[in-house]
PDB file of all heavy atoms in Angstrom:
ATOM      1  N   ALA A   1     -31.002  -3.727  15.088  1.00  0.00           N
ATOM      2  CA  ALA A   1     -30.962  -3.628  13.605  1.00  0.00           C
ATOM      3  C   ALA A   1     -29.799  -2.742  13.231  1.00  0.00           C
ATOM      4  O   ALA A   1     -29.392  -1.818  13.867  1.00  0.00           O
ATOM      5  CB  ALA A   1     -32.221  -3.045  13.057  1.00  0.00           C
ATOM      6  N   VAL A   2     -29.140  -3.050  12.104  1.00  0.00           N
ATOM      7  CA  VAL A   2     -28.020  -2.294  11.578  1.00  0.00           C
ATOM      8  C   VAL A   2     -28.608  -1.055  10.902  1.00  0.00           C
ATOM      9  O   VAL A   2     -29.509  -1.152  10.091  1.00  0.00           O
ATOM     10  CB  VAL A   2     -27.178  -3.127  10.599  1.00  0.00           C
ATOM     11  CG1 VAL A   2     -25.999  -2.296  10.064  1.00  0.00           C
ATOM     12  CG2 VAL A   2     -26.665  -4.367  11.307  1.00  0.00           C
ATOM     13  N   ARG A   3     -28.036   0.128  11.244  1.00  0.00           N
ATOM     14  CA  ARG A   3     -28.508   1.349  10.594  1.00  0.00           C
ATOM     15  C   ARG A   3     -28.119   1.401   9.143  1.00  0.00           C
ATOM     16  O   ARG A   3     -27.121   0.844   8.759  1.00  0.00           O
ATOM     17  CB  ARG A   3     -27.889   2.580  11.398  1.00  0.00           C
ATOM     18  CG  ARG A   3     -28.192   2.624  12.820  1.00  0.00           C
ATOM     19  CD  ARG A   3     -27.602   3.814  13.471  1.00  0.00           C
ATOM     20  NE  ARG A   3     -27.959   3.882  14.870  1.00  0.00           N
ATOM     21  CZ  ARG A   3     -27.067   3.463  15.865  1.00  0.00           C
ATOM     22  NH1 ARG A   3     -25.954   2.909  15.479  1.00  0.00           N
ATOM     23  NH2 ARG A   3     -27.409   3.572  17.086  1.00  0.00           N
ATOM     24  N   PRO A   4     -28.837   2.078   8.343  1.00  0.00           N
ATOM     25  CA  PRO A   4     -28.424   2.231   6.923  1.00  0.00           C
ATOM     26  C   PRO A   4     -27.062   2.868   6.844  1.00  0.00           C
ATOM     27  O   PRO A   4     -26.772   3.791   7.585  1.00  0.00           O
ATOM     28  CB  PRO A   4     -29.551   3.178   6.343  1.00  0.00           C
ATOM     29  CG  PRO A   4     -30.740   3.001   7.317  1.00  0.00           C
ATOM     30  CD  PRO A   4     -30.193   2.712   8.656  1.00  0.00           C
ATOM     31  N   SER A   5     -26.292   2.447   5.884  1.00  0.00           N
ATOM     32  CA  SER A   5     -24.894   2.980   5.761  1.00  0.00           C
ATOM     33  C   SER A   5     -24.934   4.279   5.044  1.00  0.00           C
ATOM     34  O   SER A   5     -25.439   4.486   3.940  1.00  0.00           O
ATOM     35  CB  SER A   5     -24.099   1.933   4.929  1.00  0.00           C
ATOM     36  OG  SER A   5     -22.789   2.382   4.746  1.00  0.00           O
ATOM     37  N   ARG A   6     -24.403   5.376   5.720  1.00  0.00           N
ATOM     38  CA  ARG A   6     -24.339   6.688   5.162  1.00  0.00           C
ATOM     39  C   ARG A   6     -23.069   7.313   5.542  1.00  0.00           C
ATOM     40  O   ARG A   6     -22.871   8.054   6.460  1.00  0.00           O
ATOM     41  CB  ARG A   6     -25.510   7.524   5.718  1.00  0.00           C
ATOM     42  CG  ARG A   6     -26.887   7.028   5.327  1.00  0.00           C
ATOM     43  CD  ARG A   6     -27.985   7.959   5.965  1.00  0.00           C
ATOM     44  NE  ARG A   6     -29.343   7.484   5.597  1.00  0.00           N
ATOM     45  CZ  ARG A   6     -30.432   8.041   6.082  1.00  0.00           C
ATOM     46  NH1 ARG A   6     -30.340   9.079   6.879  1.00  0.00           N
ATOM     47  NH2 ARG A   6     -31.543   7.632   5.720  1.00  0.00           N
ATOM     48  N   TYR A   7     -21.989   7.015   4.782  1.00  0.00           N
ATOM     49  CA  TYR A   7     -20.686   7.508   4.987  1.00  0.00           C
ATOM     50  C   TYR A   7     -20.404   8.784   4.147  1.00  0.00           C
ATOM     51  O   TYR A   7     -20.976   8.932   3.023  1.00  0.00           O
ATOM     52  CB  TYR A   7     -19.605   6.527   4.584  1.00  0.00           C
ATOM     53  CG  TYR A   7     -19.673   5.238   5.435  1.00  0.00           C
ATOM     54  CD1 TYR A   7     -19.963   4.000   4.896  1.00  0.00           C
ATOM     55  CD2 TYR A   7     -19.434   5.352   6.836  1.00  0.00           C
ATOM     56  CE1 TYR A   7     -19.985   2.848   5.691  1.00  0.00           C
ATOM     57  CE2 TYR A   7     -19.443   4.163   7.597  1.00  0.00           C
ATOM     58  CZ  TYR A   7     -19.748   2.941   7.044  1.00  0.00           C
ATOM     59  OH  TYR A   7     -19.797   1.807   7.773  1.00  0.00           O
ATOM     60  N   THR A   8     -19.784   9.786   4.811  1.00  0.00           N
ATOM     61  CA  THR A   8     -19.534  11.019   4.168  1.00  0.00           C
ATOM     62  C   THR A   8     -18.067  11.327   4.008  1.00  0.00           C
ATOM     63  O   THR A   8     -17.208  10.414   4.242  1.00  0.00           O
ATOM     64  CB  THR A   8     -20.214  12.197   4.972  1.00  0.00           C
ATOM     65  OG1 THR A   8     -19.542  12.327   6.238  1.00  0.00           O
ATOM     66  CG2 THR A   8     -21.734  11.921   5.167  1.00  0.00           C
ATOM     67  N   TRP A   9     -17.682  12.542   3.729  1.00  0.00           N
ATOM     68  CA  TRP A   9     -16.274  12.899   3.566  1.00  0.00           C
ATOM     69  C   TRP A   9     -15.463  12.655   4.808  1.00  0.00           C
ATOM     70  O   TRP A   9     -14.305  12.429   4.789  1.00  0.00           O
ATOM     71  CB  TRP A   9     -16.177  14.403   3.210  1.00  0.00           C
ATOM     72  CG  TRP A   9     -16.658  15.312   4.325  1.00  0.00           C
ATOM     73  CD1 TRP A   9     -17.954  15.774   4.491  1.00  0.00           C
ATOM     74  CD2 TRP A   9     -15.868  15.833   5.395  1.00  0.00           C
ATOM     75  NE1 TRP A   9     -17.969  16.594   5.597  1.00  0.00           N
ATOM     76  CE2 TRP A   9     -16.714  16.657   6.179  1.00  0.00           C
ATOM     77  CE3 TRP A   9     -14.491  15.704   5.802  1.00  0.00           C
ATOM     78  CZ2 TRP A   9     -16.336  17.296   7.341  1.00  0.00           C
ATOM     79  CZ3 TRP A   9     -14.113  16.329   6.942  1.00  0.00           C
ATOM     80  CH2 TRP A   9     -14.972  17.103   7.638  1.00  0.00           C
ATOM     81  N   ARG A  10     -16.102  12.618   6.029  1.00  0.00           N
ATOM     82  CA  ARG A  10     -15.422  12.435   7.261  1.00  0.00           C
ATOM     83  C   ARG A  10     -14.682  11.072   7.274  1.00  0.00           C
ATOM     84  O   ARG A  10     -13.531  10.950   7.624  1.00  0.00           O
ATOM     85  CB  ARG A  10     -16.300  12.602   8.456  1.00  0.00           C
ATOM     86  CG  ARG A  10     -16.812  14.031   8.687  1.00  0.00           C
ATOM     87  CD  ARG A  10     -17.703  14.141   9.859  1.00  0.00           C
ATOM     88  NE  ARG A  10     -18.976  13.425   9.635  1.00  0.00           N
ATOM     89  CZ  ARG A  10     -19.926  13.297  10.556  1.00  0.00           C
ATOM     90  NH1 ARG A  10     -19.714  13.842  11.777  1.00  0.00           N
ATOM     91  NH2 ARG A  10     -21.028  12.655  10.283  1.00  0.00           N
ATOM     92  N   THR A  11     -15.502  10.019   6.894  1.00  0.00           N
ATOM     93  CA  THR A  11     -14.951   8.677   6.871  1.00  0.00           C
ATOM     94  C   THR A  11     -13.949   8.564   5.772  1.00  0.00           C
ATOM     95  O   THR A  11     -12.848   7.990   5.978  1.00  0.00           O
ATOM     96  CB  THR A  11     -16.095   7.653   6.697  1.00  0.00           C
ATOM     97  OG1 THR A  11     -16.959   7.712   7.798  1.00  0.00           O
ATOM     98  CG2 THR A  11     -15.513   6.261   6.610  1.00  0.00           C
ATOM     99  N   PHE A  12     -14.303   9.031   4.592  1.00  0.00           N
ATOM    100  CA  PHE A  12     -13.368   8.826   3.454  1.00  0.00           C
ATOM    101  C   PHE A  12     -12.076   9.591   3.672  1.00  0.00           C
ATOM    102  O   PHE A  12     -10.996   9.145   3.246  1.00  0.00           O
ATOM    103  CB  PHE A  12     -14.053   9.293   2.208  1.00  0.00           C
ATOM    104  CG  PHE A  12     -15.193   8.404   1.772  1.00  0.00           C
ATOM    105  CD1 PHE A  12     -16.516   8.882   1.710  1.00  0.00           C
ATOM    106  CD2 PHE A  12     -15.014   7.076   1.469  1.00  0.00           C
ATOM    107  CE1 PHE A  12     -17.571   8.066   1.314  1.00  0.00           C
ATOM    108  CE2 PHE A  12     -16.039   6.192   1.143  1.00  0.00           C
ATOM    109  CZ  PHE A  12     -17.314   6.792   1.085  1.00  0.00           C
ATOM    110  N   SER A  13     -12.103  10.757   4.270  1.00  0.00           N
ATOM    111  CA  SER A  13     -10.900  11.516   4.540  1.00  0.00           C
ATOM    112  C   SER A  13      -9.974  10.752   5.521  1.00  0.00           C
ATOM    113  O   SER A  13      -8.749  10.667   5.308  1.00  0.00           O
ATOM    114  CB  SER A  13     -11.237  12.863   5.106  1.00  0.00           C
ATOM    115  OG  SER A  13     -11.959  13.656   4.222  1.00  0.00           O
ATOM    116  N   GLY A  14     -10.536  10.214   6.637  1.00  0.00           N
ATOM    117  CA  GLY A  14      -9.776   9.457   7.573  1.00  0.00           C
ATOM    118  C   GLY A  14      -9.196   8.237   6.940  1.00  0.00           C
ATOM    119  O   GLY A  14      -7.960   7.915   7.199  1.00  0.00           O
ATOM    120  N   VAL A  15      -9.947   7.451   6.238  1.00  0.00           N
ATOM    121  CA  VAL A  15      -9.429   6.198   5.611  1.00  0.00           C
ATOM    122  C   VAL A  15      -8.375   6.612   4.542  1.00  0.00           C
ATOM    123  O   VAL A  15      -7.366   5.890   4.471  1.00  0.00           O
ATOM    124  CB  VAL A  15     -10.568   5.478   4.992  1.00  0.00           C
ATOM    125  CG1 VAL A  15     -10.103   4.287   4.211  1.00  0.00           C
ATOM    126  CG2 VAL A  15     -11.569   4.934   6.102  1.00  0.00           C
ATOM    127  N   ALA A  16      -8.633   7.679   3.747  1.00  0.00           N
ATOM    128  CA  ALA A  16      -7.627   8.028   2.677  1.00  0.00           C
ATOM    129  C   ALA A  16      -6.343   8.455   3.351  1.00  0.00           C
ATOM    130  O   ALA A  16      -5.290   8.158   2.839  1.00  0.00           O
ATOM    131  CB  ALA A  16      -8.232   9.191   1.936  1.00  0.00           C
ATOM    132  N   LEU A  17      -6.358   9.165   4.413  1.00  0.00           N
ATOM    133  CA  LEU A  17      -5.147   9.641   5.161  1.00  0.00           C
ATOM    134  C   LEU A  17      -4.329   8.428   5.610  1.00  0.00           C
ATOM    135  O   LEU A  17      -3.123   8.338   5.342  1.00  0.00           O
ATOM    136  CB  LEU A  17      -5.479  10.488   6.365  1.00  0.00           C
ATOM    137  CG  LEU A  17      -4.357  10.891   7.291  1.00  0.00           C
ATOM    138  CD1 LEU A  17      -3.439  11.884   6.577  1.00  0.00           C
ATOM    139  CD2 LEU A  17      -4.905  11.495   8.574  1.00  0.00           C
ATOM    140  N   ILE A  18      -4.962   7.446   6.239  1.00  0.00           N
ATOM    141  CA  ILE A  18      -4.245   6.317   6.731  1.00  0.00           C
ATOM    142  C   ILE A  18      -3.778   5.426   5.647  1.00  0.00           C
ATOM    143  O   ILE A  18      -2.608   4.909   5.649  1.00  0.00           O
ATOM    144  CB  ILE A  18      -5.161   5.472   7.723  1.00  0.00           C
ATOM    145  CG1 ILE A  18      -5.547   6.330   8.965  1.00  0.00           C
ATOM    146  CG2 ILE A  18      -4.518   4.184   8.162  1.00  0.00           C
ATOM    147  CD1 ILE A  18      -6.650   5.798   9.748  1.00  0.00           C
ATOM    148  N   GLY A  19      -4.560   5.237   4.657  1.00  0.00           N
ATOM    149  CA  GLY A  19      -4.215   4.391   3.457  1.00  0.00           C
ATOM    150  C   GLY A  19      -3.041   4.973   2.719  1.00  0.00           C
ATOM    151  O   GLY A  19      -2.101   4.262   2.299  1.00  0.00           O
ATOM    152  N   THR A  20      -3.074   6.321   2.521  1.00  0.00           N
ATOM    153  CA  THR A  20      -1.931   6.935   1.784  1.00  0.00           C
ATOM    154  C   THR A  20      -0.622   6.801   2.512  1.00  0.00           C
ATOM    155  O   THR A  20       0.435   6.556   1.988  1.00  0.00           O
ATOM    156  CB  THR A  20      -2.281   8.386   1.560  1.00  0.00           C
ATOM    157  OG1 THR A  20      -3.497   8.555   0.802  1.00  0.00           O
ATOM    158  CG2 THR A  20      -1.207   9.129   0.780  1.00  0.00           C
ATOM    159  N   ALA A  21      -0.692   6.980   3.849  1.00  0.00           N
ATOM    160  CA  ALA A  21       0.497   6.876   4.653  1.00  0.00           C
ATOM    161  C   ALA A  21       1.055   5.394   4.626  1.00  0.00           C
ATOM    162  O   ALA A  21       2.277   5.243   4.479  1.00  0.00           O
ATOM    163  CB  ALA A  21       0.193   7.252   6.119  1.00  0.00           C
ATOM    164  N   LEU A  22       0.192   4.459   4.692  1.00  0.00           N
ATOM    165  CA  LEU A  22       0.648   3.051   4.612  1.00  0.00           C
ATOM    166  C   LEU A  22       1.288   2.728   3.206  1.00  0.00           C
ATOM    167  O   LEU A  22       2.335   2.081   3.106  1.00  0.00           O
ATOM    168  CB  LEU A  22      -0.502   2.068   4.836  1.00  0.00           C
ATOM    169  CG  LEU A  22      -1.061   2.023   6.305  1.00  0.00           C
ATOM    170  CD1 LEU A  22      -2.221   1.119   6.281  1.00  0.00           C
ATOM    171  CD2 LEU A  22       0.006   1.482   7.196  1.00  0.00           C
ATOM    172  N   LEU A  23       0.739   3.330   2.177  1.00  0.00           N
ATOM    173  CA  LEU A  23       1.238   3.054   0.781  1.00  0.00           C
ATOM    174  C   LEU A  23       2.662   3.684   0.678  1.00  0.00           C
ATOM    175  O   LEU A  23       3.568   3.089   0.172  1.00  0.00           O
ATOM    176  CB  LEU A  23       0.245   3.679  -0.231  1.00  0.00           C
ATOM    177  CG  LEU A  23       0.678   3.488  -1.720  1.00  0.00           C
ATOM    178  CD1 LEU A  23       0.707   2.072  -2.071  1.00  0.00           C
ATOM    179  CD2 LEU A  23      -0.304   4.263  -2.629  1.00  0.00           C
ATOM    180  N   PHE A  24       2.778   4.928   1.092  1.00  0.00           N
ATOM    181  CA  PHE A  24       4.062   5.595   1.016  1.00  0.00           C
ATOM    182  C   PHE A  24       5.136   4.941   1.863  1.00  0.00           C
ATOM    183  O   PHE A  24       6.269   4.885   1.564  1.00  0.00           O
ATOM    184  CB  PHE A  24       3.976   7.082   1.464  1.00  0.00           C
ATOM    185  CG  PHE A  24       3.270   7.899   0.366  1.00  0.00           C
ATOM    186  CD1 PHE A  24       2.799   9.199   0.668  1.00  0.00           C
ATOM    187  CD2 PHE A  24       3.052   7.457  -0.920  1.00  0.00           C
ATOM    188  CE1 PHE A  24       2.164   9.968  -0.282  1.00  0.00           C
ATOM    189  CE2 PHE A  24       2.486   8.251  -1.916  1.00  0.00           C
ATOM    190  CZ  PHE A  24       1.980   9.429  -1.577  1.00  0.00           C
ATOM    191  N   GLU A  25       4.693   4.417   2.987  1.00  0.00           N
ATOM    192  CA  GLU A  25       5.572   3.696   3.989  1.00  0.00           C
ATOM    193  C   GLU A  25       6.183   2.508   3.248  1.00  0.00           C
ATOM    194  O   GLU A  25       7.358   2.198   3.466  1.00  0.00           O
ATOM    195  CB  GLU A  25       4.845   3.343   5.227  1.00  0.00           C
ATOM    196  CG  GLU A  25       5.628   2.418   6.183  1.00  0.00           C
ATOM    197  CD  GLU A  25       6.783   3.222   6.871  1.00  0.00           C
ATOM    198  OE1 GLU A  25       6.800   4.434   6.818  1.00  0.00           O
ATOM    199  OE2 GLU A  25       7.645   2.532   7.449  1.00  0.00           O
ATOM    200  N   LEU A  26       5.422   1.798   2.488  1.00  0.00           N
ATOM    201  CA  LEU A  26       5.945   0.612   1.804  1.00  0.00           C
ATOM    202  C   LEU A  26       7.093   0.895   0.779  1.00  0.00           C
ATOM    203  O   LEU A  26       7.983   0.144   0.573  1.00  0.00           O
ATOM    204  CB  LEU A  26       4.815  -0.119   1.089  1.00  0.00           C
ATOM    205  CG  LEU A  26       3.737  -0.763   2.009  1.00  0.00           C
ATOM    206  CD1 LEU A  26       2.649  -1.372   1.099  1.00  0.00           C
ATOM    207  CD2 LEU A  26       4.340  -1.836   2.810  1.00  0.00           C
ATOM    208  N   PHE A  27       6.958   2.097   0.152  1.00  0.00           N
ATOM    209  CA  PHE A  27       7.933   2.449  -0.919  1.00  0.00           C
ATOM    210  C   PHE A  27       9.008   3.438  -0.531  1.00  0.00           C
ATOM    211  O   PHE A  27       9.850   3.772  -1.276  1.00  0.00           O
ATOM    212  CB  PHE A  27       7.170   2.981  -2.178  1.00  0.00           C
ATOM    213  CG  PHE A  27       6.309   1.878  -2.820  1.00  0.00           C
ATOM    214  CD1 PHE A  27       4.916   1.773  -2.498  1.00  0.00           C
ATOM    215  CD2 PHE A  27       6.835   1.029  -3.788  1.00  0.00           C
ATOM    216  CE1 PHE A  27       4.164   0.796  -3.066  1.00  0.00           C
ATOM    217  CE2 PHE A  27       6.037   0.089  -4.365  1.00  0.00           C
ATOM    218  CZ  PHE A  27       4.693  -0.029  -4.038  1.00  0.00           C
ATOM    219  N   GLN A  28       8.827   4.034   0.626  1.00  0.00           N
ATOM    220  CA  GLN A  28       9.764   5.095   1.109  1.00  0.00           C
ATOM    221  C   GLN A  28      11.166   4.584   1.385  1.00  0.00           C
ATOM    222  O   GLN A  28      11.314   3.648   2.141  1.00  0.00           O
ATOM    223  CB  GLN A  28       9.134   5.806   2.333  1.00  0.00           C
ATOM    224  CG  GLN A  28      10.071   6.799   2.902  1.00  0.00           C
ATOM    225  CD  GLN A  28      10.043   8.088   2.061  1.00  0.00           C
ATOM    226  OE1 GLN A  28       9.429   8.171   1.033  1.00  0.00           O
ATOM    227  NE2 GLN A  28      10.749   9.087   2.556  1.00  0.00           N
ATOM    228  N   ARG A  29      12.224   5.196   0.762  1.00  0.00           N
ATOM    229  CA  ARG A  29      13.585   4.861   1.109  1.00  0.00           C
ATOM    230  C   ARG A  29      14.274   5.935   1.948  1.00  0.00           C
ATOM    231  O   ARG A  29      15.203   5.586   2.616  1.00  0.00           O
ATOM    232  CB  ARG A  29      14.331   4.628  -0.207  1.00  0.00           C
ATOM    233  CG  ARG A  29      13.911   3.402  -0.957  1.00  0.00           C
ATOM    234  CD  ARG A  29      14.888   3.075  -2.117  1.00  0.00           C
ATOM    235  NE  ARG A  29      14.530   1.898  -2.882  1.00  0.00           N
ATOM    236  CZ  ARG A  29      13.857   1.892  -4.025  1.00  0.00           C
ATOM    237  NH1 ARG A  29      13.420   3.049  -4.513  1.00  0.00           N
ATOM    238  NH2 ARG A  29      13.493   0.813  -4.620  1.00  0.00           N
ATOM    239  N   GLY A  30      13.850   7.172   1.800  1.00  0.00           N
ATOM    240  CA  GLY A  30      14.451   8.244   2.568  1.00  0.00           C
ATOM    241  C   GLY A  30      13.957   8.338   3.977  1.00  0.00           C
ATOM    242  O   GLY A  30      12.744   8.162   4.238  1.00  0.00           O
ATOM    243  N   ASN A  31      14.884   8.491   4.898  1.00  0.00           N
ATOM    244  CA  ASN A  31      14.541   8.576   6.319  1.00  0.00           C
ATOM    245  C   ASN A  31      15.069   9.929   6.843  1.00  0.00           C
ATOM    246  O   ASN A  31      16.243  10.254   6.703  1.00  0.00           O
ATOM    247  CB  ASN A  31      15.209   7.477   7.121  1.00  0.00           C
ATOM    248  CG  ASN A  31      14.612   6.078   6.752  1.00  0.00           C
ATOM    249  OD1 ASN A  31      13.636   5.683   7.292  1.00  0.00           O
ATOM    250  ND2 ASN A  31      15.284   5.441   5.779  1.00  0.00           N
ATOM    251  N   LEU A  32      14.196  10.727   7.441  1.00  0.00           N
ATOM    252  CA  LEU A  32      14.604  11.996   7.926  1.00  0.00           C
ATOM    253  C   LEU A  32      15.448  11.857   9.164  1.00  0.00           C
ATOM    254  O   LEU A  32      15.172  11.131  10.141  1.00  0.00           O
ATOM    255  CB  LEU A  32      13.317  12.747   8.381  1.00  0.00           C
ATOM    256  CG  LEU A  32      13.420  14.283   8.592  1.00  0.00           C
ATOM    257  CD1 LEU A  32      13.865  14.973   7.306  1.00  0.00           C
ATOM    258  CD2 LEU A  32      12.051  14.809   9.050  1.00  0.00           C
ATOM    259  N   VAL A  33      16.648  12.466   9.176  1.00  0.00           N
ATOM    260  CA  VAL A  33      17.558  12.287  10.227  1.00  0.00           C
ATOM    261  C   VAL A  33      17.249  13.149  11.424  1.00  0.00           C
ATOM    262  O   VAL A  33      17.264  12.687  12.564  1.00  0.00           O
ATOM    263  CB  VAL A  33      19.001  12.641   9.708  1.00  0.00           C
ATOM    264  CG1 VAL A  33      19.966  12.683  10.900  1.00  0.00           C
ATOM    265  CG2 VAL A  33      19.469  11.650   8.649  1.00  0.00           C
ATOM    266  N   ASP A  34      16.891  14.429  11.188  1.00  0.00           N
ATOM    267  CA  ASP A  34      16.607  15.354  12.269  1.00  0.00           C
ATOM    268  C   ASP A  34      15.079  15.461  12.515  1.00  0.00           C
ATOM    269  O   ASP A  34      14.332  15.445  11.532  1.00  0.00           O
ATOM    270  CB  ASP A  34      17.146  16.712  12.007  1.00  0.00           C
ATOM    271  CG  ASP A  34      18.651  16.704  11.662  1.00  0.00           C
ATOM    272  OD1 ASP A  34      19.404  16.374  12.592  1.00  0.00           O
ATOM    273  OD2 ASP A  34      19.074  16.975  10.586  1.00  0.00           O
ATOM    274  N   PRO A  35      14.645  15.626  13.728  1.00  0.00           N
ATOM    275  CA  PRO A  35      13.232  15.754  14.011  1.00  0.00           C
ATOM    276  C   PRO A  35      12.705  17.078  13.462  1.00  0.00           C
ATOM    277  O   PRO A  35      13.442  18.047  13.461  1.00  0.00           O
ATOM    278  CB  PRO A  35      13.126  15.643  15.531  1.00  0.00           C
ATOM    279  CG  PRO A  35      14.476  16.036  16.007  1.00  0.00           C
ATOM    280  CD  PRO A  35      15.435  15.598  14.975  1.00  0.00           C
ATOM    281  N   LEU A  36      11.463  17.086  13.123  1.00  0.00           N
ATOM    282  CA  LEU A  36      10.773  18.332  12.604  1.00  0.00           C
ATOM    283  C   LEU A  36      10.595  19.298  13.849  1.00  0.00           C
ATOM    284  O   LEU A  36      10.478  18.798  15.007  1.00  0.00           O
ATOM    285  CB  LEU A  36       9.495  18.048  11.934  1.00  0.00           C
ATOM    286  CG  LEU A  36       9.621  17.249  10.567  1.00  0.00           C
ATOM    287  CD1 LEU A  36       8.229  16.987  10.077  1.00  0.00           C
ATOM    288  CD2 LEU A  36      10.367  18.096   9.613  1.00  0.00           C
ATOM    289  N   PRO A  37      10.486  20.506  13.643  1.00  0.00           N
ATOM    290  CA  PRO A  37      10.113  21.468  14.745  1.00  0.00           C
ATOM    291  C   PRO A  37       8.801  21.021  15.345  1.00  0.00           C
ATOM    292  O   PRO A  37       7.836  20.654  14.657  1.00  0.00           O
ATOM    293  CB  PRO A  37       9.986  22.846  14.048  1.00  0.00           C
ATOM    294  CG  PRO A  37      10.913  22.671  12.810  1.00  0.00           C
ATOM    295  CD  PRO A  37      10.786  21.290  12.376  1.00  0.00           C
ATOM    296  N   TRP A  38       8.706  21.103  16.683  1.00  0.00           N
ATOM    297  CA  TRP A  38       7.528  20.509  17.372  1.00  0.00           C
ATOM    298  C   TRP A  38       6.243  21.191  16.925  1.00  0.00           C
ATOM    299  O   TRP A  38       5.151  20.519  16.941  1.00  0.00           O
ATOM    300  CB  TRP A  38       7.674  20.628  18.858  1.00  0.00           C
ATOM    301  CG  TRP A  38       7.741  21.939  19.451  1.00  0.00           C
ATOM    302  CD1 TRP A  38       8.804  22.766  19.770  1.00  0.00           C
ATOM    303  CD2 TRP A  38       6.588  22.742  19.849  1.00  0.00           C
ATOM    304  NE1 TRP A  38       8.396  23.919  20.297  1.00  0.00           N
ATOM    305  CE2 TRP A  38       6.999  23.958  20.386  1.00  0.00           C
ATOM    306  CE3 TRP A  38       5.191  22.460  19.894  1.00  0.00           C
ATOM    307  CZ2 TRP A  38       6.172  24.891  20.841  1.00  0.00           C
ATOM    308  CZ3 TRP A  38       4.329  23.410  20.354  1.00  0.00           C
ATOM    309  CH2 TRP A  38       4.816  24.617  20.830  1.00  0.00           C
ATOM    310  N   PRO A  39       6.152  22.489  16.556  1.00  0.00           N
ATOM    311  CA  PRO A  39       4.900  23.034  16.132  1.00  0.00           C
ATOM    312  C   PRO A  39       4.357  22.329  14.874  1.00  0.00           C
ATOM    313  O   PRO A  39       3.104  22.124  14.746  1.00  0.00           O
ATOM    314  CB  PRO A  39       5.191  24.503  15.825  1.00  0.00           C
ATOM    315  CG  PRO A  39       6.420  24.823  16.702  1.00  0.00           C
ATOM    316  CD  PRO A  39       7.203  23.531  16.668  1.00  0.00           C
ATOM    317  N   PHE A  40       5.252  21.970  13.936  1.00  0.00           N
ATOM    318  CA  PHE A  40       4.826  21.164  12.761  1.00  0.00           C
ATOM    319  C   PHE A  40       4.293  19.831  13.121  1.00  0.00           C
ATOM    320  O   PHE A  40       3.223  19.376  12.661  1.00  0.00           O
ATOM    321  CB  PHE A  40       5.892  21.117  11.704  1.00  0.00           C
ATOM    322  CG  PHE A  40       6.334  22.393  11.038  1.00  0.00           C
ATOM    323  CD1 PHE A  40       7.355  23.158  11.625  1.00  0.00           C
ATOM    324  CD2 PHE A  40       5.654  22.839   9.975  1.00  0.00           C
ATOM    325  CE1 PHE A  40       7.668  24.328  11.028  1.00  0.00           C
ATOM    326  CE2 PHE A  40       5.975  23.997   9.351  1.00  0.00           C
ATOM    327  CZ  PHE A  40       7.030  24.747   9.851  1.00  0.00           C
ATOM    328  N   THR A  41       4.990  19.178  13.994  1.00  0.00           N
ATOM    329  CA  THR A  41       4.602  17.828  14.399  1.00  0.00           C
ATOM    330  C   THR A  41       3.269  17.876  15.161  1.00  0.00           C
ATOM    331  O   THR A  41       2.395  17.055  14.976  1.00  0.00           O
ATOM    332  CB  THR A  41       5.694  17.195  15.307  1.00  0.00           C
ATOM    333  OG1 THR A  41       6.932  17.096  14.583  1.00  0.00           O
ATOM    334  CG2 THR A  41       5.258  15.755  15.670  1.00  0.00           C
ATOM    335  N   LEU A  42       3.065  18.854  16.049  1.00  0.00           N
ATOM    336  CA  LEU A  42       1.931  19.015  16.816  1.00  0.00           C
ATOM    337  C   LEU A  42       0.697  19.277  15.944  1.00  0.00           C
ATOM    338  O   LEU A  42      -0.387  18.749  16.121  1.00  0.00           O
ATOM    339  CB  LEU A  42       2.043  20.125  17.898  1.00  0.00           C
ATOM    340  CG  LEU A  42       0.859  20.368  18.783  1.00  0.00           C
ATOM    341  CD1 LEU A  42       0.406  19.197  19.563  1.00  0.00           C
ATOM    342  CD2 LEU A  42       1.111  21.587  19.708  1.00  0.00           C
ATOM    343  N   ALA A  43       0.897  20.203  14.987  1.00  0.00           N
ATOM    344  CA  ALA A  43      -0.198  20.543  14.078  1.00  0.00           C
ATOM    345  C   ALA A  43      -0.628  19.356  13.242  1.00  0.00           C
ATOM    346  O   ALA A  43      -1.873  19.054  13.091  1.00  0.00           O
ATOM    347  CB  ALA A  43       0.215  21.688  13.137  1.00  0.00           C
TER     348      ALA A  43
END
């Protein structure tokens, strides 16, 4: 049997993060030339 659906902030946060990135990717024109410092990327 399928369990009752009980989604919380964990699911909505993950989906919102991925959806926002995809949306910005479609409209983004600026491309960063230099890589960010690795601590920022790792975090």
